[in-house]
Amino acid sequence: MVQAAAQAGKLPLVLGGDHSVAIGTIAGMAKHLRRSGQRLGVLWVDAHPDMNTPETSTSGNVHGMPLACSIGLGRAGSRIWAASRLRSRRPTSH
């Protein structure tokens, strides 16, 4: 939906009850911009790093994983990401 709205020349507005909605929002915008040869910049402001992966999370809750997913760490669906990048440092889960 985000990608489709952006392709139609509209500004996607995504509202959700959890910041994990950023995973799809960032993915949709990035895909749209890649098709036009542009890159997406994201300014992430949060009290927690949100860099957990299924391998580093103590809770397994996706709530602590959106930024990691968005930059290609961890695992989501059938896509495997390089979780080994986080093994040297174990972020705290929230």
PDB file of N, CA and C in Angstrom:
ATOM      1  N   MET A   1       0.815  -1.190   0.000  1.00  0.00           N
ATOM      2  CA  MET A   1       0.000   0.000   0.000  1.00  0.00           C
ATOM      3  C   MET A   1       0.856   1.250   0.000  1.00  0.00           C
ATOM      4  N   VAL A   2       1.943   1.231   0.765  1.00  0.00           N
ATOM      5  CA  VAL A   2       2.842   2.397   0.811  1.00  0.00           C
ATOM      6  C   VAL A   2       3.451   2.632  -0.561  1.00  0.00           C
ATOM      7  N   GLN A   3       3.974   1.561  -1.155  1.00  0.00           N
ATOM      8  CA  GLN A   3       4.584   1.681  -2.475  1.00  0.00           C
ATOM      9  C   GLN A   3       3.565   2.151  -3.510  1.00  0.00           C
ATOM     10  N   ALA A   4       2.371   1.590  -3.486  1.00  0.00           N
ATOM     11  CA  ALA A   4       1.329   1.962  -4.445  1.00  0.00           C
ATOM     12  C   ALA A   4       0.944   3.432  -4.293  1.00  0.00           C
ATOM     13  N   ALA A   5       0.813   3.908  -3.070  1.00  0.00           N
ATOM     14  CA  ALA A   5       0.476   5.318  -2.836  1.00  0.00           C
ATOM     15  C   ALA A   5       1.583   6.220  -3.367  1.00  0.00           C
ATOM     16  N   ALA A   6       2.827   5.863  -3.090  1.00  0.00           N
ATOM     17  CA  ALA A   6       3.959   6.671  -3.556  1.00  0.00           C
ATOM     18  C   ALA A   6       4.022   6.686  -5.089  1.00  0.00           C
ATOM     19  N   GLN A   7       3.762   5.536  -5.720  1.00  0.00           N
ATOM     20  CA  GLN A   7       3.770   5.470  -7.176  1.00  0.00           C
ATOM     21  C   GLN A   7       2.659   6.321  -7.786  1.00  0.00           C
ATOM     22  N   ALA A   8       1.571   6.486  -7.049  1.00  0.00           N
ATOM     23  CA  ALA A   8       0.455   7.314  -7.527  1.00  0.00           C
ATOM     24  C   ALA A   8       0.707   8.795  -7.263  1.00  0.00           C
ATOM     25  N   GLY A   9       1.886   9.119  -6.738  1.00  0.00           N
ATOM     26  CA  GLY A   9       2.221  10.517  -6.472  1.00  0.00           C
ATOM     27  C   GLY A   9       1.657  11.057  -5.176  1.00  0.00           C
ATOM     28  N   LYS A  10       1.203  10.172  -4.321  1.00  0.00           N
ATOM     29  CA  LYS A  10       0.633  10.583  -3.040  1.00  0.00           C
ATOM     30  C   LYS A  10       1.646  10.371  -1.930  1.00  0.00           C
ATOM     31  N   LEU A  11       1.501  11.084  -0.858  1.00  0.00           N
ATOM     32  CA  LEU A  11       2.351  10.912   0.313  1.00  0.00           C
ATOM     33  C   LEU A  11       1.685   9.882   1.223  1.00  0.00           C
ATOM     34  N   PRO A  12       2.308   8.711   1.381  1.00  0.00           N
ATOM     35  CA  PRO A  12       1.705   7.697   2.258  1.00  0.00           C
ATOM     36  C   PRO A  12       1.715   8.152   3.719  1.00  0.00           C
ATOM     37  N   LEU A  13       0.612   7.978   4.380  1.00  0.00           N
ATOM     38  CA  LEU A  13       0.511   8.263   5.805  1.00  0.00           C
ATOM     39  C   LEU A  13       0.123   6.957   6.489  1.00  0.00           C
ATOM     40  N   VAL A  14       1.025   6.454   7.329  1.00  0.00           N
ATOM     41  CA  VAL A  14       0.800   5.168   7.983  1.00  0.00           C
ATOM     42  C   VAL A  14       0.623   5.409   9.471  1.00  0.00           C
ATOM     43  N   LEU A  15      -0.495   4.972  10.007  1.00  0.00           N
ATOM     44  CA  LEU A  15      -0.769   5.098  11.429  1.00  0.00           C
ATOM     45  C   LEU A  15      -0.879   3.698  12.018  1.00  0.00           C
ATOM     46  N   GLY A  16      -0.267   3.494  13.162  1.00  0.00           N
ATOM     47  CA  GLY A  16      -0.335   2.187  13.794  1.00  0.00           C
ATOM     48  C   GLY A  16      -0.184   2.311  15.293  1.00  0.00           C
ATOM     49  N   GLY A  17      -0.438   1.222  15.964  1.00  0.00           N
ATOM     50  CA  GLY A  17      -0.351   1.219  17.417  1.00  0.00           C
ATOM     51  C   GLY A  17       1.002   0.771  17.937  1.00  0.00           C
ATOM     52  N   ASP A  18       1.931   0.489  17.039  1.00  0.00           N
ATOM     53  CA  ASP A  18       3.245   0.007  17.446  1.00  0.00           C
ATOM     54  C   ASP A  18       4.253   0.453  16.394  1.00  0.00           C
ATOM     55  N   HIS A  19       5.440   0.811  16.845  1.00  0.00           N
ATOM     56  CA  HIS A  19       6.417   1.312  15.876  1.00  0.00           C
ATOM     57  C   HIS A  19       6.955   0.240  14.945  1.00  0.00           C
ATOM     58  N   SER A  20       6.564  -1.019  15.126  1.00  0.00           N
ATOM     59  CA  SER A  20       6.982  -2.057  14.186  1.00  0.00           C
ATOM     60  C   SER A  20       6.312  -1.874  12.818  1.00  0.00           C
ATOM     61  N   VAL A  21       5.286  -1.022  12.708  1.00  0.00           N
ATOM     62  CA  VAL A  21       4.699  -0.722  11.398  1.00  0.00           C
ATOM     63  C   VAL A  21       5.730  -0.054  10.492  1.00  0.00           C
ATOM     64  N   ALA A  22       6.806   0.436  11.074  1.00  0.00           N
ATOM     65  CA  ALA A  22       7.865   1.064  10.278  1.00  0.00           C
ATOM     66  C   ALA A  22       8.511   0.075   9.315  1.00  0.00           C
ATOM     67  N   ILE A  23       8.499  -1.215   9.629  1.00  0.00           N
ATOM     68  CA  ILE A  23       9.119  -2.215   8.752  1.00  0.00           C
ATOM     69  C   ILE A  23       8.506  -2.143   7.355  1.00  0.00           C
ATOM     70  N   GLY A  24       7.192  -2.218   7.270  1.00  0.00           N
ATOM     71  CA  GLY A  24       6.518  -2.159   5.977  1.00  0.00           C
ATOM     72  C   GLY A  24       6.555  -0.785   5.347  1.00  0.00           C
ATOM     73  N   THR A  25       6.479   0.245   6.165  1.00  0.00           N
ATOM     74  CA  THR A  25       6.516   1.610   5.654  1.00  0.00           C
ATOM     75  C   THR A  25       7.854   1.896   4.979  1.00  0.00           C
ATOM     76  N   ILE A  26       8.939   1.566   5.665  1.00  0.00           N
ATOM     77  CA  ILE A  26      10.281   1.801   5.113  1.00  0.00           C
ATOM     78  C   ILE A  26      10.501   0.926   3.880  1.00  0.00           C
ATOM     79  N   ALA A  27      10.080  -0.335   3.941  1.00  0.00           N
ATOM     80  CA  ALA A  27      10.256  -1.231   2.796  1.00  0.00           C
ATOM     81  C   ALA A  27       9.506  -0.722   1.566  1.00  0.00           C
ATOM     82  N   GLY A  28       8.277  -0.280   1.759  1.00  0.00           N
ATOM     83  CA  GLY A  28       7.479   0.223   0.644  1.00  0.00           C
ATOM     84  C   GLY A  28       8.074   1.465   0.010  1.00  0.00           C
ATOM     85  N   MET A  29       8.502   2.405   0.834  1.00  0.00           N
ATOM     86  CA  MET A  29       9.112   3.622   0.293  1.00  0.00           C
ATOM     87  C   MET A  29      10.448   3.335  -0.372  1.00  0.00           C
ATOM     88  N   ALA A  30      11.245   2.462   0.228  1.00  0.00           N
ATOM     89  CA  ALA A  30      12.542   2.120  -0.359  1.00  0.00           C
ATOM     90  C   ALA A  30      12.359   1.473  -1.727  1.00  0.00           C
ATOM     91  N   LYS A  31      11.398   0.576  -1.849  1.00  0.00           N
ATOM     92  CA  LYS A  31      11.143  -0.088  -3.126  1.00  0.00           C
ATOM     93  C   LYS A  31      10.706   0.922  -4.179  1.00  0.00           C
ATOM     94  N   HIS A  32       9.822   1.815  -3.803  1.00  0.00           N
ATOM     95  CA  HIS A  32       9.368   2.856  -4.724  1.00  0.00           C
ATOM     96  C   HIS A  32      10.535   3.729  -5.177  1.00  0.00           C
ATOM     97  N   LEU A  33      11.345   4.182  -4.247  1.00  0.00           N
ATOM     98  CA  LEU A  33      12.445   5.077  -4.591  1.00  0.00           C
ATOM     99  C   LEU A  33      13.521   4.377  -5.420  1.00  0.00           C
ATOM    100  N   ARG A  34      13.805   3.104  -5.121  1.00  0.00           N
ATOM    101  CA  ARG A  34      14.787   2.353  -5.918  1.00  0.00           C
ATOM    102  C   ARG A  34      14.384   2.307  -7.379  1.00  0.00           C
ATOM    103  N   ARG A  35      13.108   2.136  -7.638  1.00  0.00           N
ATOM    104  CA  ARG A  35      12.621   2.069  -9.027  1.00  0.00           C
ATOM    105  C   ARG A  35      12.859   3.370  -9.780  1.00  0.00           C
ATOM    106  N   SER A  36      12.950   4.464  -9.070  1.00  0.00           N
ATOM    107  CA  SER A  36      13.208   5.749  -9.733  1.00  0.00           C
ATOM    108  C   SER A  36      14.653   6.201  -9.542  1.00  0.00           C
ATOM    109  N   GLY A  37      15.510   5.277  -9.088  1.00  0.00           N
ATOM    110  CA  GLY A  37      16.935   5.584  -8.952  1.00  0.00           C
ATOM    111  C   GLY A  37      17.283   6.446  -7.752  1.00  0.00           C
ATOM    112  N   GLN A  38      16.389   6.515  -6.785  1.00  0.00           N
ATOM    113  CA  GLN A  38      16.627   7.329  -5.594  1.00  0.00           C
ATOM    114  C   GLN A  38      16.885   6.438  -4.389  1.00  0.00           C
ATOM    115  N   ARG A  39      17.434   7.042  -3.355  1.00  0.00           N
ATOM    116  CA  ARG A  39      17.690   6.319  -2.111  1.00  0.00           C
ATOM    117  C   ARG A  39      16.854   6.922  -0.997  1.00  0.00           C
ATOM    118  N   LEU A  40      16.502   6.082  -0.038  1.00  0.00           N
ATOM    119  CA  LEU A  40      15.704   6.518   1.106  1.00  0.00           C
ATOM    120  C   LEU A  40      16.613   6.828   2.282  1.00  0.00           C
ATOM    121  N   GLY A  41      16.368   7.916   2.951  1.00  0.00           N
ATOM    122  CA  GLY A  41      17.047   8.240   4.203  1.00  0.00           C
ATOM    123  C   GLY A  41      16.040   8.150   5.338  1.00  0.00           C
ATOM    124  N   VAL A  42      16.457   7.601   6.452  1.00  0.00           N
ATOM    125  CA  VAL A  42      15.577   7.451   7.609  1.00  0.00           C
ATOM    126  C   VAL A  42      16.278   8.026   8.831  1.00  0.00           C
ATOM    127  N   LEU A  43      15.598   8.874   9.535  1.00  0.00           N
ATOM    128  CA  LEU A  43      16.079   9.385  10.818  1.00  0.00           C
ATOM    129  C   LEU A  43      15.282   8.657  11.888  1.00  0.00           C
ATOM    130  N   TRP A  44      15.948   7.792  12.652  1.00  0.00           N
ATOM    131  CA  TRP A  44      15.278   6.962  13.656  1.00  0.00           C
ATOM    132  C   TRP A  44      15.536   7.561  15.027  1.00  0.00           C
ATOM    133  N   VAL A  45      14.492   8.046  15.681  1.00  0.00           N
ATOM    134  CA  VAL A  45      14.610   8.635  17.012  1.00  0.00           C
ATOM    135  C   VAL A  45      13.759   7.795  17.957  1.00  0.00           C
ATOM    136  N   ASP A  46      14.423   7.155  18.906  1.00  0.00           N
ATOM    137  CA  ASP A  46      13.722   6.261  19.819  1.00  0.00           C
ATOM    138  C   ASP A  46      14.570   6.109  21.073  1.00  0.00           C
ATOM    139  N   ALA A  47      13.955   5.823  22.178  1.00  0.00           N
ATOM    140  CA  ALA A  47      14.686   5.616  23.433  1.00  0.00           C
ATOM    141  C   ALA A  47      15.433   4.286  23.434  1.00  0.00           C
ATOM    142  N   HIS A  48      15.069   3.376  22.516  1.00  0.00           N
ATOM    143  CA  HIS A  48      15.691   2.058  22.414  1.00  0.00           C
ATOM    144  C   HIS A  48      16.225   1.881  20.994  1.00  0.00           C
ATOM    145  N   PRO A  49      17.235   1.065  20.811  1.00  0.00           N
ATOM    146  CA  PRO A  49      17.811   0.936  19.471  1.00  0.00           C
ATOM    147  C   PRO A  49      16.953   0.180  18.467  1.00  0.00           C
ATOM    148  N   ASP A  50      16.021  -0.672  18.909  1.00  0.00           N
ATOM    149  CA  ASP A  50      15.172  -1.457  18.014  1.00  0.00           C
ATOM    150  C   ASP A  50      15.987  -2.257  17.008  1.00  0.00           C
ATOM    151  N   MET A  51      17.144  -2.746  17.459  1.00  0.00           N
ATOM    152  CA  MET A  51      18.076  -3.469  16.598  1.00  0.00           C
ATOM    153  C   MET A  51      18.136  -4.960  16.918  1.00  0.00           C
ATOM    154  N   ASN A  52      17.183  -5.474  17.666  1.00  0.00           N
ATOM    155  CA  ASN A  52      17.178  -6.905  17.963  1.00  0.00           C
ATOM    156  C   ASN A  52      16.793  -7.708  16.728  1.00  0.00           C
ATOM    157  N   THR A  53      17.235  -8.940  16.701  1.00  0.00           N
ATOM    158  CA  THR A  53      16.834  -9.910  15.684  1.00  0.00           C
ATOM    159  C   THR A  53      16.272 -11.104  16.446  1.00  0.00           C
ATOM    160  N   PRO A  54      15.652 -12.055  15.772  1.00  0.00           N
ATOM    161  CA  PRO A  54      15.192 -13.239  16.500  1.00  0.00           C
ATOM    162  C   PRO A  54      16.333 -13.934  17.252  1.00  0.00           C
ATOM    163  N   GLU A  55      17.533 -13.810  16.722  1.00  0.00           N
ATOM    164  CA  GLU A  55      18.683 -14.459  17.357  1.00  0.00           C
ATOM    165  C   GLU A  55      19.213 -13.686  18.562  1.00  0.00           C
ATOM    166  N   THR A  56      18.973 -12.384  18.632  1.00  0.00           N
ATOM    167  CA  THR A  56      19.522 -11.575  19.727  1.00  0.00           C
ATOM    168  C   THR A  56      18.484 -11.134  20.743  1.00  0.00           C
ATOM    169  N   SER A  57      17.217 -11.282  20.424  1.00  0.00           N
ATOM    170  CA  SER A  57      16.142 -10.837  21.308  1.00  0.00           C
ATOM    171  C   SER A  57      15.917 -11.831  22.443  1.00  0.00           C
ATOM    172  N   THR A  58      15.767 -11.311  23.635  1.00  0.00           N
ATOM    173  CA  THR A  58      15.440 -12.181  24.760  1.00  0.00           C
ATOM    174  C   THR A  58      13.939 -12.481  24.809  1.00  0.00           C
ATOM    175  N   SER A  59      13.115 -11.586  24.232  1.00  0.00           N
ATOM    176  CA  SER A  59      11.666 -11.788  24.268  1.00  0.00           C
ATOM    177  C   SER A  59      11.116 -12.381  22.971  1.00  0.00           C
ATOM    178  N   GLY A  60      11.818 -12.182  21.867  1.00  0.00           N
ATOM    179  CA  GLY A  60      11.309 -12.625  20.570  1.00  0.00           C
ATOM    180  C   GLY A  60      10.238 -11.718  20.004  1.00  0.00           C
ATOM    181  N   ASN A  61       9.981 -10.589  20.650  1.00  0.00           N
ATOM    182  CA  ASN A  61       8.938  -9.656  20.243  1.00  0.00           C
ATOM    183  C   ASN A  61       9.433  -8.762  19.109  1.00  0.00           C
ATOM    184  N   VAL A  62       8.683  -8.708  18.013  1.00  0.00           N
ATOM    185  CA  VAL A  62       9.066  -7.890  16.857  1.00  0.00           C
ATOM    186  C   VAL A  62       9.102  -6.399  17.219  1.00  0.00           C
ATOM    187  N   HIS A  63       8.478  -6.024  18.313  1.00  0.00           N
ATOM    188  CA  HIS A  63       8.480  -4.641  18.797  1.00  0.00           C
ATOM    189  C   HIS A  63       9.904  -4.092  18.930  1.00  0.00           C
ATOM    190  N   GLY A  64      10.851  -4.940  19.247  1.00  0.00           N
ATOM    191  CA  GLY A  64      12.237  -4.499  19.392  1.00  0.00           C
ATOM    192  C   GLY A  64      13.097  -4.744  18.169  1.00  0.00           C
ATOM    193  N   MET A  65      12.483  -5.033  17.013  1.00  0.00           N
ATOM    194  CA  MET A  65      13.231  -5.412  15.821  1.00  0.00           C
ATOM    195  C   MET A  65      13.056  -4.529  14.584  1.00  0.00           C
ATOM    196  N   PRO A  66      12.224  -3.483  14.582  1.00  0.00           N
ATOM    197  CA  PRO A  66      11.937  -2.813  13.317  1.00  0.00           C
ATOM    198  C   PRO A  66      13.144  -2.186  12.621  1.00  0.00           C
ATOM    199  N   LEU A  67      14.026  -1.575  13.345  1.00  0.00           N
ATOM    200  CA  LEU A  67      15.172  -0.965  12.677  1.00  0.00           C
ATOM    201  C   LEU A  67      16.115  -2.037  12.130  1.00  0.00           C
ATOM    202  N   ALA A  68      16.328  -3.097  12.897  1.00  0.00           N
ATOM    203  CA  ALA A  68      17.171  -4.202  12.416  1.00  0.00           C
ATOM    204  C   ALA A  68      16.598  -4.792  11.129  1.00  0.00           C
ATOM    205  N   CYS A  69      15.294  -5.025  11.098  1.00  0.00           N
ATOM    206  CA  CYS A  69      14.653  -5.554   9.888  1.00  0.00           C
ATOM    207  C   CYS A  69      14.832  -4.598   8.713  1.00  0.00           C
ATOM    208  N   SER A  70      14.687  -3.322   8.980  1.00  0.00           N
ATOM    209  CA  SER A  70      14.740  -2.330   7.915  1.00  0.00           C
ATOM    210  C   SER A  70      16.132  -2.165   7.311  1.00  0.00           C
ATOM    211  N   ILE A  71      17.164  -2.479   8.065  1.00  0.00           N
ATOM    212  CA  ILE A  71      18.510  -2.365   7.497  1.00  0.00           C
ATOM    213  C   ILE A  71      19.081  -3.712   7.082  1.00  0.00           C
ATOM    214  N   GLY A  72      18.252  -4.751   7.140  1.00  0.00           N
ATOM    215  CA  GLY A  72      18.664  -6.041   6.617  1.00  0.00           C
ATOM    216  C   GLY A  72      19.282  -7.003   7.599  1.00  0.00           C
ATOM    217  N   LEU A  73      18.983  -6.881   8.869  1.00  0.00           N
ATOM    218  CA  LEU A  73      19.485  -7.813   9.870  1.00  0.00           C
ATOM    219  C   LEU A  73      18.361  -8.722  10.341  1.00  0.00           C
ATOM    220  N   GLY A  74      18.660  -9.948  10.657  1.00  0.00           N
ATOM    221  CA  GLY A  74      17.672 -10.865  11.212  1.00  0.00           C
ATOM    222  C   GLY A  74      16.956 -11.686  10.173  1.00  0.00           C
ATOM    223  N   ARG A  75      15.707 -12.015  10.439  1.00  0.00           N
ATOM    224  CA  ARG A  75      14.943 -12.883   9.551  1.00  0.00           C
ATOM    225  C   ARG A  75      13.478 -12.413   9.548  1.00  0.00           C
ATOM    226  N   ALA A  76      12.881 -12.397   8.389  1.00  0.00           N
ATOM    227  CA  ALA A  76      11.449 -12.087   8.279  1.00  0.00           C
ATOM    228  C   ALA A  76      10.888 -12.873   7.107  1.00  0.00           C
ATOM    229  N   GLY A  77       9.909 -13.700   7.353  1.00  0.00           N
ATOM    230  CA  GLY A  77       9.332 -14.512   6.291  1.00  0.00           C
ATOM    231  C   GLY A  77      10.376 -15.422   5.676  1.00  0.00           C
ATOM    232  N   SER A  78      10.466 -15.415   4.368  1.00  0.00           N
ATOM    233  CA  SER A  78      11.413 -16.284   3.691  1.00  0.00           C
ATOM    234  C   SER A  78      12.753 -15.605   3.443  1.00  0.00           C
ATOM    235  N   ARG A  79      12.854 -14.323   3.761  1.00  0.00           N
ATOM    236  CA  ARG A  79      14.099 -13.603   3.527  1.00  0.00           C
ATOM    237  C   ARG A  79      15.015 -13.760   4.738  1.00  0.00           C
ATOM    238  N   ILE A  80      16.242 -14.189   4.513  1.00  0.00           N
ATOM    239  CA  ILE A  80      17.217 -14.369   5.587  1.00  0.00           C
ATOM    240  C   ILE A  80      18.174 -13.180   5.561  1.00  0.00           C
ATOM    241  N   TRP A  81      18.384 -12.594   6.727  1.00  0.00           N
ATOM    242  CA  TRP A  81      19.306 -11.473   6.829  1.00  0.00           C
ATOM    243  C   TRP A  81      20.523 -11.877   7.640  1.00  0.00           C
ATOM    244  N   ALA A  82      21.564 -11.092   7.573  1.00  0.00           N
ATOM    245  CA  ALA A  82      22.842 -11.422   8.219  1.00  0.00           C
ATOM    246  C   ALA A  82      22.837 -11.050   9.689  1.00  0.00           C
ATOM    247  N   ALA A  83      22.356 -11.938  10.534  1.00  0.00           N
ATOM    248  CA  ALA A  83      22.322 -11.686  11.972  1.00  0.00           C
ATOM    249  C   ALA A  83      23.710 -11.735  12.588  1.00  0.00           C
ATOM    250  N   SER A  84      24.651 -12.319  11.890  1.00  0.00           N
ATOM    251  CA  SER A  84      26.002 -12.437  12.446  1.00  0.00           C
ATOM    252  C   SER A  84      26.635 -11.077  12.708  1.00  0.00           C
ATOM    253  N   ARG A  85      26.151 -10.034  12.077  1.00  0.00           N
ATOM    254  CA  ARG A  85      26.687  -8.689  12.299  1.00  0.00           C
ATOM    255  C   ARG A  85      26.436  -8.207  13.725  1.00  0.00           C
ATOM    256  N   LEU A  86      25.444  -8.779  14.387  1.00  0.00           N
ATOM    257  CA  LEU A  86      25.108  -8.334  15.739  1.00  0.00           C
ATOM    258  C   LEU A  86      25.702  -9.214  16.818  1.00  0.00           C
ATOM    259  N   ARG A  87      26.308 -10.327  16.430  1.00  0.00           N
ATOM    260  CA  ARG A  87      26.758 -11.282  17.435  1.00  0.00           C
ATOM    261  C   ARG A  87      27.831 -10.729  18.371  1.00  0.00           C
ATOM    262  N   SER A  88      28.597  -9.744  17.906  1.00  0.00           N
ATOM    263  CA  SER A  88      29.639  -9.200  18.772  1.00  0.00           C
ATOM    264  C   SER A  88      29.071  -8.305  19.859  1.00  0.00           C
ATOM    265  N   ARG A  89      27.825  -7.867  19.687  1.00  0.00           N
ATOM    266  CA  ARG A  89      27.189  -6.986  20.654  1.00  0.00           C
ATOM    267  C   ARG A  89      25.738  -7.388  20.814  1.00  0.00           C
ATOM    268  N   ARG A  90      25.317  -7.705  21.996  1.00  0.00           N
ATOM    269  CA  ARG A  90      23.945  -8.138  22.234  1.00  0.00           C
ATOM    270  C   ARG A  90      23.119  -6.968  22.740  1.00  0.00           C
ATOM    271  N   PRO A  91      22.256  -6.408  21.894  1.00  0.00           N
ATOM    272  CA  PRO A  91      21.412  -5.300  22.340  1.00  0.00           C
ATOM    273  C   PRO A  91      20.384  -5.758  23.373  1.00  0.00           C
ATOM    274  N   THR A  92      19.912  -4.819  24.163  1.00  0.00           N
ATOM    275  CA  THR A  92      18.884  -5.158  25.138  1.00  0.00           C
ATOM    276  C   THR A  92      17.536  -5.208  24.447  1.00  0.00           C
ATOM    277  N   SER A  93      16.668  -6.090  24.905  1.00  0.00           N
ATOM    278  CA  SER A  93      15.333  -6.222  24.344  1.00  0.00           C
ATOM    279  C   SER A  93      14.378  -5.355  25.154  1.00  0.00           C
ATOM    280  N   HIS A  94      13.334  -4.861  24.497  1.00  0.00           N
ATOM    281  CA  HIS A  94      12.300  -4.100  25.209  1.00  0.00           C
ATOM    282  C   HIS A  94      10.946  -4.486  24.736  1.00  0.00           C
TER     283      HIS A  94
END
